[in-house]
Amino acid sequence: MTKSNRLATALTAASLVAIVGACAGPAAKPRSASIFGGKVDTANIGLATKAQMALASNDIASAIPLAERAVEKSPRDAGFRALLGNCYLASGRFASAEAAYRDSLTLIAAQPQVVLKLALVEIAQGKNDEAKYLLAQAQNRSSLSGAERRALLLPRCCGGRIFAAAS
């Protein structure tokens, strides 16, 4: 690891600690501050933070068990399940990533980034038709912003090259 990578990792870790400390400190009450609109799981956010830091450091072997423990302790947290999917995706465990992303979307459907990742793992497994259908369904949701809608159209705009390359 180069000096600049270590510095970047240290700064990222310090930022995460500061954010978690400010948002979940003793003076703050847990409230609907999650990016998914649900209650923040302050009891297990440390596991998820450690998993995210390990994933960012490309330490997949450490990230997976941390994310699995976070999901085990908070099975109704869509963010933890999406993080677990990210860990599985990084390790090449596409079937496991697919299951984690589907679980996350079952809990909270309005997650365009998770939909895109689910489509990618479907393509990686040769499930091109399922990926196309998933993207078409997600693109038709009225709750999407313009940027999210355009991102979901990207695979279609590429003339099917993404799907053709996976075949």
C-alpha atoms as a PDB file:
ATOM      1  CA  MET A   1       0.000   0.000   0.000  1.00  0.00           C
ATOM      2  CA  THR A   2       1.445   3.328  -1.017  1.00  0.00           C
ATOM      3  CA  LYS A   3       1.745   6.286   1.281  1.00  0.00           C
ATOM      4  CA  SER A   4      -1.085   8.154  -0.473  1.00  0.00           C
ATOM      5  CA  ASN A   5      -3.369   5.086  -0.252  1.00  0.00           C
ATOM      6  CA  ARG A   6      -2.687   4.796   3.476  1.00  0.00           C
ATOM      7  CA  LEU A   7      -3.401   8.475   3.938  1.00  0.00           C
ATOM      8  CA  ALA A   8      -6.648   8.214   1.977  1.00  0.00           C
ATOM      9  CA  THR A   9      -7.710   5.163   3.996  1.00  0.00           C
ATOM     10  CA  ALA A  10      -6.875   6.908   7.256  1.00  0.00           C
ATOM     11  CA  LEU A  11      -8.807  10.027   6.236  1.00  0.00           C
ATOM     12  CA  THR A  12     -11.796   7.930   5.181  1.00  0.00           C
ATOM     13  CA  ALA A  13     -11.750   6.058   8.484  1.00  0.00           C
ATOM     14  CA  ALA A  14     -11.461   9.292  10.449  1.00  0.00           C
ATOM     15  CA  SER A  15     -14.371  10.800   8.514  1.00  0.00           C
ATOM     16  CA  LEU A  16     -16.539   7.755   9.129  1.00  0.00           C
ATOM     17  CA  VAL A  17     -15.728   7.775  12.839  1.00  0.00           C
ATOM     18  CA  ALA A  18     -16.576  11.480  13.040  1.00  0.00           C
ATOM     19  CA  ILE A  19     -19.857  11.027  11.194  1.00  0.00           C
ATOM     20  CA  VAL A  20     -20.904   8.029  13.259  1.00  0.00           C
ATOM     21  CA  GLY A  21     -19.841   9.790  16.452  1.00  0.00           C
ATOM     22  CA  ALA A  22     -21.769  12.921  15.578  1.00  0.00           C
ATOM     23  CA  CYS A  23     -24.912  11.124  14.447  1.00  0.00           C
ATOM     24  CA  ALA A  24     -25.053   8.342  17.001  1.00  0.00           C
ATOM     25  CA  GLY A  25     -23.382   9.877  20.025  1.00  0.00           C
ATOM     26  CA  PRO A  26     -25.009   9.819  23.449  1.00  0.00           C
ATOM     27  CA  ALA A  27     -26.668  13.200  22.891  1.00  0.00           C
ATOM     28  CA  ALA A  28     -28.290  12.123  19.638  1.00  0.00           C
ATOM     29  CA  LYS A  29     -31.391   9.980  19.554  1.00  0.00           C
ATOM     30  CA  PRO A  30     -31.761   7.437  16.756  1.00  0.00           C
ATOM     31  CA  ARG A  31     -34.217   8.767  14.227  1.00  0.00           C
ATOM     32  CA  SER A  32     -35.089   8.379  10.560  1.00  0.00           C
ATOM     33  CA  ALA A  33     -31.702   9.500   9.278  1.00  0.00           C
ATOM     34  CA  SER A  34     -30.952   6.417   7.221  1.00  0.00           C
ATOM     35  CA  ILE A  35     -30.522   6.933   3.495  1.00  0.00           C
ATOM     36  CA  PHE A  36     -33.307   4.384   3.151  1.00  0.00           C
ATOM     37  CA  GLY A  37     -35.691   6.350   5.384  1.00  0.00           C
ATOM     38  CA  GLY A  38     -35.767   3.779   8.171  1.00  0.00           C
ATOM     39  CA  LYS A  39     -34.434   3.904  11.673  1.00  0.00           C
ATOM     40  CA  VAL A  40     -30.676   3.910  11.989  1.00  0.00           C
ATOM     41  CA  ASP A  41     -29.407   0.713  13.637  1.00  0.00           C
ATOM     42  CA  THR A  42     -26.916   2.302  16.005  1.00  0.00           C
ATOM     43  CA  ALA A  43     -26.195  -0.997  17.753  1.00  0.00           C
ATOM     44  CA  ASN A  44     -24.728  -2.657  14.649  1.00  0.00           C
ATOM     45  CA  ILE A  45     -23.535   0.212  12.516  1.00  0.00           C
ATOM     46  CA  GLY A  46     -19.998  -0.464  13.730  1.00  0.00           C
ATOM     47  CA  LEU A  47     -19.986  -3.866  12.019  1.00  0.00           C
ATOM     48  CA  ALA A  48     -21.263  -2.369   8.780  1.00  0.00           C
ATOM     49  CA  THR A  49     -18.731   0.475   8.977  1.00  0.00           C
ATOM     50  CA  LYS A  50     -15.885  -1.982   9.504  1.00  0.00           C
ATOM     51  CA  ALA A  51     -17.173  -4.077   6.592  1.00  0.00           C
ATOM     52  CA  GLN A  52     -17.349  -0.992   4.362  1.00  0.00           C
ATOM     53  CA  MET A  53     -13.829   0.065   5.350  1.00  0.00           C
ATOM     54  CA  ALA A  54     -12.494  -3.445   4.656  1.00  0.00           C
ATOM     55  CA  LEU A  55     -14.266  -3.469   1.290  1.00  0.00           C
ATOM     56  CA  ALA A  56     -12.854  -0.033   0.422  1.00  0.00           C
ATOM     57  CA  SER A  57      -9.387  -1.348   1.330  1.00  0.00           C
ATOM     58  CA  ASN A  58      -9.954  -4.374  -0.940  1.00  0.00           C
ATOM     59  CA  ASP A  59      -9.808  -6.666   2.102  1.00  0.00           C
ATOM     60  CA  ILE A  60     -12.700  -8.798   0.884  1.00  0.00           C
ATOM     61  CA  ALA A  61     -11.840 -11.713   3.164  1.00  0.00           C
ATOM     62  CA  SER A  62     -12.478  -9.495   6.209  1.00  0.00           C
ATOM     63  CA  ALA A  63     -15.389  -7.543   4.721  1.00  0.00           C
ATOM     64  CA  ILE A  64     -17.633 -10.548   4.054  1.00  0.00           C
ATOM     65  CA  PRO A  65     -17.846 -11.957   7.605  1.00  0.00           C
ATOM     66  CA  LEU A  66     -18.318  -8.451   9.033  1.00  0.00           C
ATOM     67  CA  ALA A  67     -21.176  -7.718   6.622  1.00  0.00           C
ATOM     68  CA  GLU A  68     -22.693 -11.153   7.287  1.00  0.00           C
ATOM     69  CA  ARG A  69     -22.641 -10.462  11.035  1.00  0.00           C
ATOM     70  CA  ALA A  70     -24.250  -7.056  10.516  1.00  0.00           C
ATOM     71  CA  VAL A  71     -27.056  -8.675   8.494  1.00  0.00           C
ATOM     72  CA  GLU A  72     -27.420 -11.482  11.026  1.00  0.00           C
ATOM     73  CA  LYS A  73     -27.846  -8.966  13.844  1.00  0.00           C
ATOM     74  CA  SER A  74     -30.113  -6.623  11.827  1.00  0.00           C
ATOM     75  CA  PRO A  75     -31.934  -8.721   9.222  1.00  0.00           C
ATOM     76  CA  ARG A  76     -34.450  -5.952   8.396  1.00  0.00           C
ATOM     77  CA  ASP A  77     -31.785  -3.388   7.428  1.00  0.00           C
ATOM     78  CA  ALA A  78     -31.792  -2.970   3.647  1.00  0.00           C
ATOM     79  CA  GLY A  79     -28.516  -1.035   3.711  1.00  0.00           C
ATOM     80  CA  PHE A  80     -26.679  -3.838   5.493  1.00  0.00           C
ATOM     81  CA  ARG A  81     -28.026  -6.349   2.960  1.00  0.00           C
ATOM     82  CA  ALA A  82     -26.911  -4.149   0.057  1.00  0.00           C
ATOM     83  CA  LEU A  83     -23.462  -3.880   1.659  1.00  0.00           C
ATOM     84  CA  LEU A  84     -23.346  -7.681   1.935  1.00  0.00           C
ATOM     85  CA  GLY A  85     -24.242  -7.867  -1.758  1.00  0.00           C
ATOM     86  CA  ASN A  86     -21.383  -5.476  -2.541  1.00  0.00           C
ATOM     87  CA  CYS A  87     -18.968  -7.699  -0.616  1.00  0.00           C
ATOM     88  CA  TYR A  88     -20.163 -10.803  -2.441  1.00  0.00           C
ATOM     89  CA  LEU A  89     -19.970  -9.000  -5.794  1.00  0.00           C
ATOM     90  CA  ALA A  90     -16.383  -7.934  -5.083  1.00  0.00           C
ATOM     91  CA  SER A  91     -15.463 -11.535  -4.288  1.00  0.00           C
ATOM     92  CA  GLY A  92     -17.076 -12.870  -7.465  1.00  0.00           C
ATOM     93  CA  ARG A  93     -19.836 -14.719  -5.589  1.00  0.00           C
ATOM     94  CA  PHE A  94     -22.540 -13.628  -8.016  1.00  0.00           C
ATOM     95  CA  ALA A  95     -25.329 -15.952  -6.851  1.00  0.00           C
ATOM     96  CA  SER A  96     -24.827 -14.816  -3.250  1.00  0.00           C
ATOM     97  CA  ALA A  97     -24.713 -11.160  -4.347  1.00  0.00           C
ATOM     98  CA  GLU A  98     -27.937 -11.664  -6.276  1.00  0.00           C
ATOM     99  CA  ALA A  99     -29.676 -13.078  -3.199  1.00  0.00           C
ATOM    100  CA  ALA A 100     -28.434 -10.228  -0.967  1.00  0.00           C
ATOM    101  CA  TYR A 101     -29.501  -7.548  -3.448  1.00  0.00           C
ATOM    102  CA  ARG A 102     -32.935  -9.165  -3.874  1.00  0.00           C
ATOM    103  CA  ASP A 103     -33.339  -9.285  -0.082  1.00  0.00           C
ATOM    104  CA  SER A 104     -32.419  -5.592   0.139  1.00  0.00           C
ATOM    105  CA  LEU A 105     -34.916  -4.680  -2.588  1.00  0.00           C
ATOM    106  CA  THR A 106     -37.597  -6.760  -0.870  1.00  0.00           C
ATOM    107  CA  LEU A 107     -37.158  -4.604   2.225  1.00  0.00           C
ATOM    108  CA  ILE A 108     -37.031  -1.297   0.330  1.00  0.00           C
ATOM    109  CA  ALA A 109     -37.775  -1.323  -3.385  1.00  0.00           C
ATOM    110  CA  ALA A 110     -36.710   2.252  -4.216  1.00  0.00           C
ATOM    111  CA  GLN A 111     -32.941   1.665  -4.490  1.00  0.00           C
ATOM    112  CA  PRO A 112     -31.833   2.322  -8.094  1.00  0.00           C
ATOM    113  CA  GLN A 113     -28.168   1.649  -7.313  1.00  0.00           C
ATOM    114  CA  VAL A 114     -29.046  -1.781  -5.932  1.00  0.00           C
ATOM    115  CA  VAL A 115     -31.225  -2.483  -8.979  1.00  0.00           C
ATOM    116  CA  LEU A 116     -28.258  -1.713 -11.251  1.00  0.00           C
ATOM    117  CA  LYS A 117     -25.959  -3.972  -9.237  1.00  0.00           C
ATOM    118  CA  LEU A 118     -28.545  -6.747  -9.285  1.00  0.00           C
ATOM    119  CA  ALA A 119     -28.756  -6.411 -13.067  1.00  0.00           C
ATOM    120  CA  LEU A 120     -24.955  -6.655 -13.280  1.00  0.00           C
ATOM    121  CA  VAL A 121     -24.811  -9.865 -11.247  1.00  0.00           C
ATOM    122  CA  GLU A 122     -27.617 -11.304 -13.365  1.00  0.00           C
ATOM    123  CA  ILE A 123     -25.624 -10.490 -16.507  1.00  0.00           C
ATOM    124  CA  ALA A 124     -22.521 -12.047 -14.953  1.00  0.00           C
ATOM    125  CA  GLN A 125     -24.515 -15.238 -14.482  1.00  0.00           C
ATOM    126  CA  GLY A 126     -25.842 -15.208 -18.059  1.00  0.00           C
ATOM    127  CA  LYS A 127     -29.345 -14.099 -17.029  1.00  0.00           C
ATOM    128  CA  ASN A 128     -29.535 -11.356 -19.637  1.00  0.00           C
ATOM    129  CA  ASP A 129     -33.300 -11.489 -20.161  1.00  0.00           C
ATOM    130  CA  GLU A 130     -33.930 -11.231 -16.415  1.00  0.00           C
ATOM    131  CA  ALA A 131     -31.569  -8.245 -16.215  1.00  0.00           C
ATOM    132  CA  LYS A 132     -33.327  -6.486 -19.103  1.00  0.00           C
ATOM    133  CA  TYR A 133     -36.716  -7.087 -17.498  1.00  0.00           C
ATOM    134  CA  LEU A 134     -35.490  -5.856 -14.101  1.00  0.00           C
ATOM    135  CA  LEU A 135     -34.105  -2.649 -15.619  1.00  0.00           C
ATOM    136  CA  ALA A 136     -37.272  -2.052 -17.636  1.00  0.00           C
ATOM    137  CA  GLN A 137     -39.444  -2.529 -14.542  1.00  0.00           C
ATOM    138  CA  ALA A 138     -37.257  -0.246 -12.425  1.00  0.00           C
ATOM    139  CA  GLN A 139     -37.119   2.428 -15.114  1.00  0.00           C
ATOM    140  CA  ASN A 140     -40.934   2.624 -15.129  1.00  0.00           C
ATOM    141  CA  ARG A 141     -41.183   3.449 -11.405  1.00  0.00           C
ATOM    142  CA  SER A 142     -42.591   6.923 -10.914  1.00  0.00           C
ATOM    143  CA  SER A 143     -40.511   7.573  -7.778  1.00  0.00           C
ATOM    144  CA  LEU A 144     -37.216   7.830  -9.692  1.00  0.00           C
ATOM    145  CA  SER A 145     -35.407  11.099 -10.229  1.00  0.00           C
ATOM    146  CA  GLY A 146     -34.323  12.060 -13.730  1.00  0.00           C
ATOM    147  CA  ALA A 147     -30.712  11.036 -13.071  1.00  0.00           C
ATOM    148  CA  GLU A 148     -31.773   7.661 -11.664  1.00  0.00           C
ATOM    149  CA  ARG A 149     -34.040   7.057 -14.649  1.00  0.00           C
ATOM    150  CA  ARG A 150     -31.201   7.898 -17.083  1.00  0.00           C
ATOM    151  CA  ALA A 151     -28.790   5.585 -15.219  1.00  0.00           C
ATOM    152  CA  LEU A 152     -31.232   2.705 -15.569  1.00  0.00           C
ATOM    153  CA  LEU A 153     -31.498   3.422 -19.311  1.00  0.00           C
ATOM    154  CA  LEU A 154     -27.721   3.251 -19.813  1.00  0.00           C
ATOM    155  CA  PRO A 155     -27.613  -0.466 -20.693  1.00  0.00           C
ATOM    156  CA  ARG A 156     -30.330   0.064 -23.312  1.00  0.00           C
ATOM    157  CA  CYS A 157     -28.548   3.096 -24.786  1.00  0.00           C
ATOM    158  CA  CYS A 158     -25.416   1.039 -25.368  1.00  0.00           C
ATOM    159  CA  GLY A 159     -27.268  -0.805 -28.126  1.00  0.00           C
ATOM    160  CA  GLY A 160     -27.352  -3.963 -26.068  1.00  0.00           C
ATOM    161  CA  ARG A 161     -23.551  -4.229 -26.059  1.00  0.00           C
ATOM    162  CA  ILE A 162     -23.519  -4.913 -22.324  1.00  0.00           C
ATOM    163  CA  PHE A 163     -25.869  -7.836 -22.794  1.00  0.00           C
ATOM    164  CA  ALA A 164     -24.138  -9.039 -25.956  1.00  0.00           C
ATOM    165  CA  ALA A 165     -20.738  -9.046 -24.248  1.00  0.00           C
ATOM    166  CA  ALA A 166     -22.115 -11.219 -21.468  1.00  0.00           C
ATOM    167  CA  SER A 167     -23.454 -13.828 -23.911  1.00  0.00           C
END
